[in-house]
Amino acid sequence: MPTTLAGRELIKKYLDENSISITSLATTFGVGKMYMTQVLSGDRKSAAANALVLNIIETFKIR
């Protein structure tokens, strides 16, 4: 399975540039803040976590 590390970094950069909190992002995608933090840090690398990363990238058109 390919890594989504680059995508995770792009998401964190996007959040910072747009003043979006991890709490707001987690709420938007229906997951807990701790889970979202673990996904973005790379601590969670399951298929579901990777799918969440891809969903966030697609939703916000992060490139």
PDB file of N, CA and C in Angstrom:
ATOM      1  N   MET A   1       0.858  -1.183   0.000  1.00  0.00           N
ATOM      2  CA  MET A   1       0.000   0.000   0.000  1.00  0.00           C
ATOM      3  C   MET A   1       0.898   1.238   0.000  1.00  0.00           C
ATOM      4  N   PRO A   2       0.630   2.182  -0.875  1.00  0.00           N
ATOM      5  CA  PRO A   2       1.450   3.403  -0.901  1.00  0.00           C
ATOM      6  C   PRO A   2       1.218   4.245   0.347  1.00  0.00           C
ATOM      7  N   THR A   3       2.242   4.988   0.689  1.00  0.00           N
ATOM      8  CA  THR A   3       2.154   5.856   1.858  1.00  0.00           C
ATOM      9  C   THR A   3       1.407   7.143   1.504  1.00  0.00           C
ATOM     10  N   THR A   4       0.766   7.717   2.488  1.00  0.00           N
ATOM     11  CA  THR A   4       0.054   8.977   2.271  1.00  0.00           C
ATOM     12  C   THR A   4       0.718  10.109   3.042  1.00  0.00           C
ATOM     13  N   LEU A   5       2.005   9.932   3.377  1.00  0.00           N
ATOM     14  CA  LEU A   5       2.722  10.924   4.163  1.00  0.00           C
ATOM     15  C   LEU A   5       2.719  12.298   3.497  1.00  0.00           C
ATOM     16  N   ALA A   6       2.964  12.354   2.204  1.00  0.00           N
ATOM     17  CA  ALA A   6       2.970  13.640   1.501  1.00  0.00           C
ATOM     18  C   ALA A   6       1.603  14.304   1.586  1.00  0.00           C
ATOM     19  N   GLY A   7       0.551  13.519   1.453  1.00  0.00           N
ATOM     20  CA  GLY A   7      -0.805  14.052   1.552  1.00  0.00           C
ATOM     21  C   GLY A   7      -1.102  14.582   2.943  1.00  0.00           C
ATOM     22  N   ARG A   8      -0.636  13.881   3.944  1.00  0.00           N
ATOM     23  CA  ARG A   8      -0.843  14.310   5.326  1.00  0.00           C
ATOM     24  C   ARG A   8      -0.161  15.656   5.572  1.00  0.00           C
ATOM     25  N   GLU A   9       1.039  15.809   5.047  1.00  0.00           N
ATOM     26  CA  GLU A   9       1.771  17.068   5.199  1.00  0.00           C
ATOM     27  C   GLU A   9       1.057  18.207   4.465  1.00  0.00           C
ATOM     28  N   LEU A  10       0.536  17.924   3.285  1.00  0.00           N
ATOM     29  CA  LEU A  10      -0.217  18.943   2.542  1.00  0.00           C
ATOM     30  C   LEU A  10      -1.469  19.378   3.306  1.00  0.00           C
ATOM     31  N   ILE A  11      -2.138  18.433   3.930  1.00  0.00           N
ATOM     32  CA  ILE A  11      -3.332  18.758   4.715  1.00  0.00           C
ATOM     33  C   ILE A  11      -2.961  19.659   5.882  1.00  0.00           C
ATOM     34  N   LYS A  12      -1.902  19.308   6.611  1.00  0.00           N
ATOM     35  CA  LYS A  12      -1.488  20.133   7.754  1.00  0.00           C
ATOM     36  C   LYS A  12      -1.116  21.547   7.310  1.00  0.00           C
ATOM     37  N   LYS A  13      -0.455  21.652   6.171  1.00  0.00           N
ATOM     38  CA  LYS A  13      -0.096  22.970   5.640  1.00  0.00           C
ATOM     39  C   LYS A  13      -1.365  23.756   5.277  1.00  0.00           C
ATOM     40  N   TYR A  14      -2.319  23.085   4.652  1.00  0.00           N
ATOM     41  CA  TYR A  14      -3.580  23.715   4.272  1.00  0.00           C
ATOM     42  C   TYR A  14      -4.330  24.216   5.503  1.00  0.00           C
ATOM     43  N   LEU A  15      -4.370  23.406   6.544  1.00  0.00           N
ATOM     44  CA  LEU A  15      -5.055  23.800   7.776  1.00  0.00           C
ATOM     45  C   LEU A  15      -4.405  25.050   8.369  1.00  0.00           C
ATOM     46  N   ASP A  16      -3.086  25.065   8.392  1.00  0.00           N
ATOM     47  CA  ASP A  16      -2.355  26.202   8.943  1.00  0.00           C
ATOM     48  C   ASP A  16      -2.606  27.468   8.120  1.00  0.00           C
ATOM     49  N   GLU A  17      -2.512  27.355   6.810  1.00  0.00           N
ATOM     50  CA  GLU A  17      -2.678  28.514   5.926  1.00  0.00           C
ATOM     51  C   GLU A  17      -4.097  29.077   5.966  1.00  0.00           C
ATOM     52  N   ASN A  18      -5.063  28.238   6.273  1.00  0.00           N
ATOM     53  CA  ASN A  18      -6.468  28.654   6.253  1.00  0.00           C
ATOM     54  C   ASN A  18      -7.082  28.753   7.644  1.00  0.00           C
ATOM     55  N   SER A  19      -6.252  28.688   8.663  1.00  0.00           N
ATOM     56  CA  SER A  19      -6.690  28.807  10.057  1.00  0.00           C
ATOM     57  C   SER A  19      -7.851  27.873  10.385  1.00  0.00           C
ATOM     58  N   ILE A  20      -7.703  26.614   9.978  1.00  0.00           N
ATOM     59  CA  ILE A  20      -8.707  25.595  10.262  1.00  0.00           C
ATOM     60  C   ILE A  20      -8.149  24.705  11.369  1.00  0.00           C
ATOM     61  N   SER A  21      -8.910  24.513  12.422  1.00  0.00           N
ATOM     62  CA  SER A  21      -8.441  23.681  13.527  1.00  0.00           C
ATOM     63  C   SER A  21      -8.664  22.203  13.217  1.00  0.00           C
ATOM     64  N   ILE A  22      -7.884  21.370  13.867  1.00  0.00           N
ATOM     65  CA  ILE A  22      -8.058  19.931  13.721  1.00  0.00           C
ATOM     66  C   ILE A  22      -9.423  19.524  14.264  1.00  0.00           C
ATOM     67  N   THR A  23      -9.877  20.205  15.295  1.00  0.00           N
ATOM     68  CA  THR A  23     -11.207  19.925  15.858  1.00  0.00           C
ATOM     69  C   THR A  23     -12.288  20.173  14.814  1.00  0.00           C
ATOM     70  N   SER A  24     -12.203  21.292  14.109  1.00  0.00           N
ATOM     71  CA  SER A  24     -13.187  21.603  13.062  1.00  0.00           C
ATOM     72  C   SER A  24     -13.128  20.577  11.938  1.00  0.00           C
ATOM     73  N   LEU A  25     -11.911  20.208  11.549  1.00  0.00           N
ATOM     74  CA  LEU A  25     -11.758  19.219  10.484  1.00  0.00           C
ATOM     75  C   LEU A  25     -12.346  17.879  10.917  1.00  0.00           C
ATOM     76  N   ALA A  26     -12.044  17.479  12.142  1.00  0.00           N
ATOM     77  CA  ALA A  26     -12.571  16.213  12.657  1.00  0.00           C
ATOM     78  C   ALA A  26     -14.094  16.229  12.692  1.00  0.00           C
ATOM     79  N   THR A  27     -14.659  17.321  13.147  1.00  0.00           N
ATOM     80  CA  THR A  27     -16.113  17.446  13.207  1.00  0.00           C
ATOM     81  C   THR A  27     -16.719  17.364  11.812  1.00  0.00           C
ATOM     82  N   THR A  28     -16.101  18.033  10.858  1.00  0.00           N
ATOM     83  CA  THR A  28     -16.587  18.025   9.477  1.00  0.00           C
ATOM     84  C   THR A  28     -16.634  16.617   8.898  1.00  0.00           C
ATOM     85  N   PHE A  29     -15.634  15.803   9.240  1.00  0.00           N
ATOM     86  CA  PHE A  29     -15.555  14.462   8.673  1.00  0.00           C
ATOM     87  C   PHE A  29     -16.090  13.373   9.602  1.00  0.00           C
ATOM     88  N   GLY A  30     -16.688  13.793  10.729  1.00  0.00           N
ATOM     89  CA  GLY A  30     -17.374  12.855  11.602  1.00  0.00           C
ATOM     90  C   GLY A  30     -16.476  11.910  12.375  1.00  0.00           C
ATOM     91  N   VAL A  31     -15.279  12.388  12.722  1.00  0.00           N
ATOM     92  CA  VAL A  31     -14.371  11.577  13.533  1.00  0.00           C
ATOM     93  C   VAL A  31     -13.943  12.391  14.753  1.00  0.00           C
ATOM     94  N   GLY A  32     -13.340  11.730  15.709  1.00  0.00           N
ATOM     95  CA  GLY A  32     -12.876  12.422  16.909  1.00  0.00           C
ATOM     96  C   GLY A  32     -11.599  13.209  16.656  1.00  0.00           C
ATOM     97  N   LYS A  33     -11.380  14.201  17.506  1.00  0.00           N
ATOM     98  CA  LYS A  33     -10.182  15.036  17.386  1.00  0.00           C
ATOM     99  C   LYS A  33      -8.917  14.191  17.530  1.00  0.00           C
ATOM    100  N   MET A  34      -8.892  13.291  18.505  1.00  0.00           N
ATOM    101  CA  MET A  34      -7.705  12.463  18.728  1.00  0.00           C
ATOM    102  C   MET A  34      -7.427  11.575  17.518  1.00  0.00           C
ATOM    103  N   TYR A  35      -8.472  10.996  16.960  1.00  0.00           N
ATOM    104  CA  TYR A  35      -8.301  10.152  15.774  1.00  0.00           C
ATOM    105  C   TYR A  35      -7.731  10.969  14.626  1.00  0.00           C
ATOM    106  N   MET A  36      -8.283  12.164  14.397  1.00  0.00           N
ATOM    107  CA  MET A  36      -7.798  13.019  13.310  1.00  0.00           C
ATOM    108  C   MET A  36      -6.337  13.395  13.537  1.00  0.00           C
ATOM    109  N   THR A  37      -5.986  13.710  14.781  1.00  0.00           N
ATOM    110  CA  THR A  37      -4.603  14.045  15.112  1.00  0.00           C
ATOM    111  C   THR A  37      -3.680  12.864  14.792  1.00  0.00           C
ATOM    112  N   GLN A  38      -4.116  11.666  15.152  1.00  0.00           N
ATOM    113  CA  GLN A  38      -3.315  10.469  14.885  1.00  0.00           C
ATOM    114  C   GLN A  38      -3.192  10.197  13.390  1.00  0.00           C
ATOM    115  N   VAL A  39      -4.245  10.432  12.651  1.00  0.00           N
ATOM    116  CA  VAL A  39      -4.209  10.236  11.199  1.00  0.00           C
ATOM    117  C   VAL A  39      -3.215  11.219  10.571  1.00  0.00           C
ATOM    118  N   LEU A  40      -3.327  12.497  10.942  1.00  0.00           N
ATOM    119  CA  LEU A  40      -2.464  13.508  10.334  1.00  0.00           C
ATOM    120  C   LEU A  40      -1.001  13.369  10.748  1.00  0.00           C
ATOM    121  N   SER A  41      -0.760  12.828  11.932  1.00  0.00           N
ATOM    122  CA  SER A  41       0.621  12.641  12.386  1.00  0.00           C
ATOM    123  C   SER A  41       1.253  11.390  11.772  1.00  0.00           C
ATOM    124  N   GLY A  42       0.420  10.520  11.223  1.00  0.00           N
ATOM    125  CA  GLY A  42       0.923   9.287  10.643  1.00  0.00           C
ATOM    126  C   GLY A  42       0.924   8.122  11.615  1.00  0.00           C
ATOM    127  N   ASP A  43       0.418   8.351  12.828  1.00  0.00           N
ATOM    128  CA  ASP A  43       0.338   7.264  13.801  1.00  0.00           C
ATOM    129  C   ASP A  43      -0.692   6.216  13.383  1.00  0.00           C
ATOM    130  N   ARG A  44      -1.717   6.646  12.685  1.00  0.00           N
ATOM    131  CA  ARG A  44      -2.737   5.738  12.139  1.00  0.00           C
ATOM    132  C   ARG A  44      -2.483   5.606  10.644  1.00  0.00           C
ATOM    133  N   LYS A  45      -2.235   4.369  10.198  1.00  0.00           N
ATOM    134  CA  LYS A  45      -1.925   4.138   8.786  1.00  0.00           C
ATOM    135  C   LYS A  45      -2.800   3.047   8.185  1.00  0.00           C
ATOM    136  N   SER A  46      -3.956   2.842   8.767  1.00  0.00           N
ATOM    137  CA  SER A  46      -4.866   1.808   8.275  1.00  0.00           C
ATOM    138  C   SER A  46      -5.477   2.236   6.947  1.00  0.00           C
ATOM    139  N   ALA A  47      -6.163   1.321   6.324  1.00  0.00           N
ATOM    140  CA  ALA A  47      -6.858   1.632   5.077  1.00  0.00           C
ATOM    141  C   ALA A  47      -7.895   2.729   5.308  1.00  0.00           C
ATOM    142  N   ALA A  48      -8.579   2.678   6.448  1.00  0.00           N
ATOM    143  CA  ALA A  48      -9.583   3.705   6.758  1.00  0.00           C
ATOM    144  C   ALA A  48      -8.923   5.070   6.948  1.00  0.00           C
ATOM    145  N   ALA A  49      -7.772   5.109   7.617  1.00  0.00           N
ATOM    146  CA  ALA A  49      -7.061   6.371   7.818  1.00  0.00           C
ATOM    147  C   ALA A  49      -6.588   6.932   6.476  1.00  0.00           C
ATOM    148  N   ASN A  50      -6.055   6.069   5.622  1.00  0.00           N
ATOM    149  CA  ASN A  50      -5.614   6.521   4.302  1.00  0.00           C
ATOM    150  C   ASN A  50      -6.788   7.018   3.467  1.00  0.00           C
ATOM    151  N   ALA A  51      -7.918   6.350   3.580  1.00  0.00           N
ATOM    152  CA  ALA A  51      -9.110   6.794   2.850  1.00  0.00           C
ATOM    153  C   ALA A  51      -9.564   8.162   3.346  1.00  0.00           C
ATOM    154  N   LEU A  52      -9.461   8.398   4.646  1.00  0.00           N
ATOM    155  CA  LEU A  52      -9.818   9.701   5.205  1.00  0.00           C
ATOM    156  C   LEU A  52      -8.896  10.782   4.651  1.00  0.00           C
ATOM    157  N   VAL A  53      -7.597  10.505   4.609  1.00  0.00           N
ATOM    158  CA  VAL A  53      -6.637  11.465   4.054  1.00  0.00           C
ATOM    159  C   VAL A  53      -7.012  11.801   2.609  1.00  0.00           C
ATOM    160  N   LEU A  54      -7.282  10.789   1.821  1.00  0.00           N
ATOM    161  CA  LEU A  54      -7.654  11.019   0.416  1.00  0.00           C
ATOM    162  C   LEU A  54      -8.955  11.786   0.302  1.00  0.00           C
ATOM    163  N   ASN A  55      -9.916  11.499   1.176  1.00  0.00           N
ATOM    164  CA  ASN A  55     -11.197  12.201   1.171  1.00  0.00           C
ATOM    165  C   ASN A  55     -11.009  13.683   1.496  1.00  0.00           C
ATOM    166  N   ILE A  56     -10.169  13.983   2.476  1.00  0.00           N
ATOM    167  CA  ILE A  56      -9.899  15.379   2.840  1.00  0.00           C
ATOM    168  C   ILE A  56      -9.246  16.104   1.674  1.00  0.00           C
ATOM    169  N   ILE A  57      -8.256  15.460   1.055  1.00  0.00           N
ATOM    170  CA  ILE A  57      -7.560  16.076  -0.084  1.00  0.00           C
ATOM    171  C   ILE A  57      -8.541  16.357  -1.215  1.00  0.00           C
ATOM    172  N   GLU A  58      -9.406  15.425  -1.498  1.00  0.00           N
ATOM    173  CA  GLU A  58     -10.376  15.598  -2.585  1.00  0.00           C
ATOM    174  C   GLU A  58     -11.421  16.659  -2.241  1.00  0.00           C
ATOM    175  N   THR A  59     -11.911  16.649  -1.014  1.00  0.00           N
ATOM    176  CA  THR A  59     -12.939  17.597  -0.601  1.00  0.00           C
ATOM    177  C   THR A  59     -12.456  19.043  -0.702  1.00  0.00           C
ATOM    178  N   PHE A  60     -11.237  19.289  -0.231  1.00  0.00           N
ATOM    179  CA  PHE A  60     -10.700  20.641  -0.232  1.00  0.00           C
ATOM    180  C   PHE A  60      -9.875  20.968  -1.476  1.00  0.00           C
ATOM    181  N   LYS A  61      -9.763  20.004  -2.407  1.00  0.00           N
ATOM    182  CA  LYS A  61      -8.989  20.186  -3.632  1.00  0.00           C
ATOM    183  C   LYS A  61      -7.559  20.626  -3.320  1.00  0.00           C
ATOM    184  N   ILE A  62      -6.942  19.938  -2.367  1.00  0.00           N
ATOM    185  CA  ILE A  62      -5.575  20.254  -1.958  1.00  0.00           C
ATOM    186  C   ILE A  62      -4.621  19.664  -2.979  1.00  0.00           C
ATOM    187  N   ARG A  63      -3.763  20.511  -3.505  1.00  0.00           N
ATOM    188  CA  ARG A  63      -2.796  20.055  -4.504  1.00  0.00           C
ATOM    189  C   ARG A  63      -1.418  20.504  -4.153  1.00  0.00           C
TER     190      ARG A  63
END
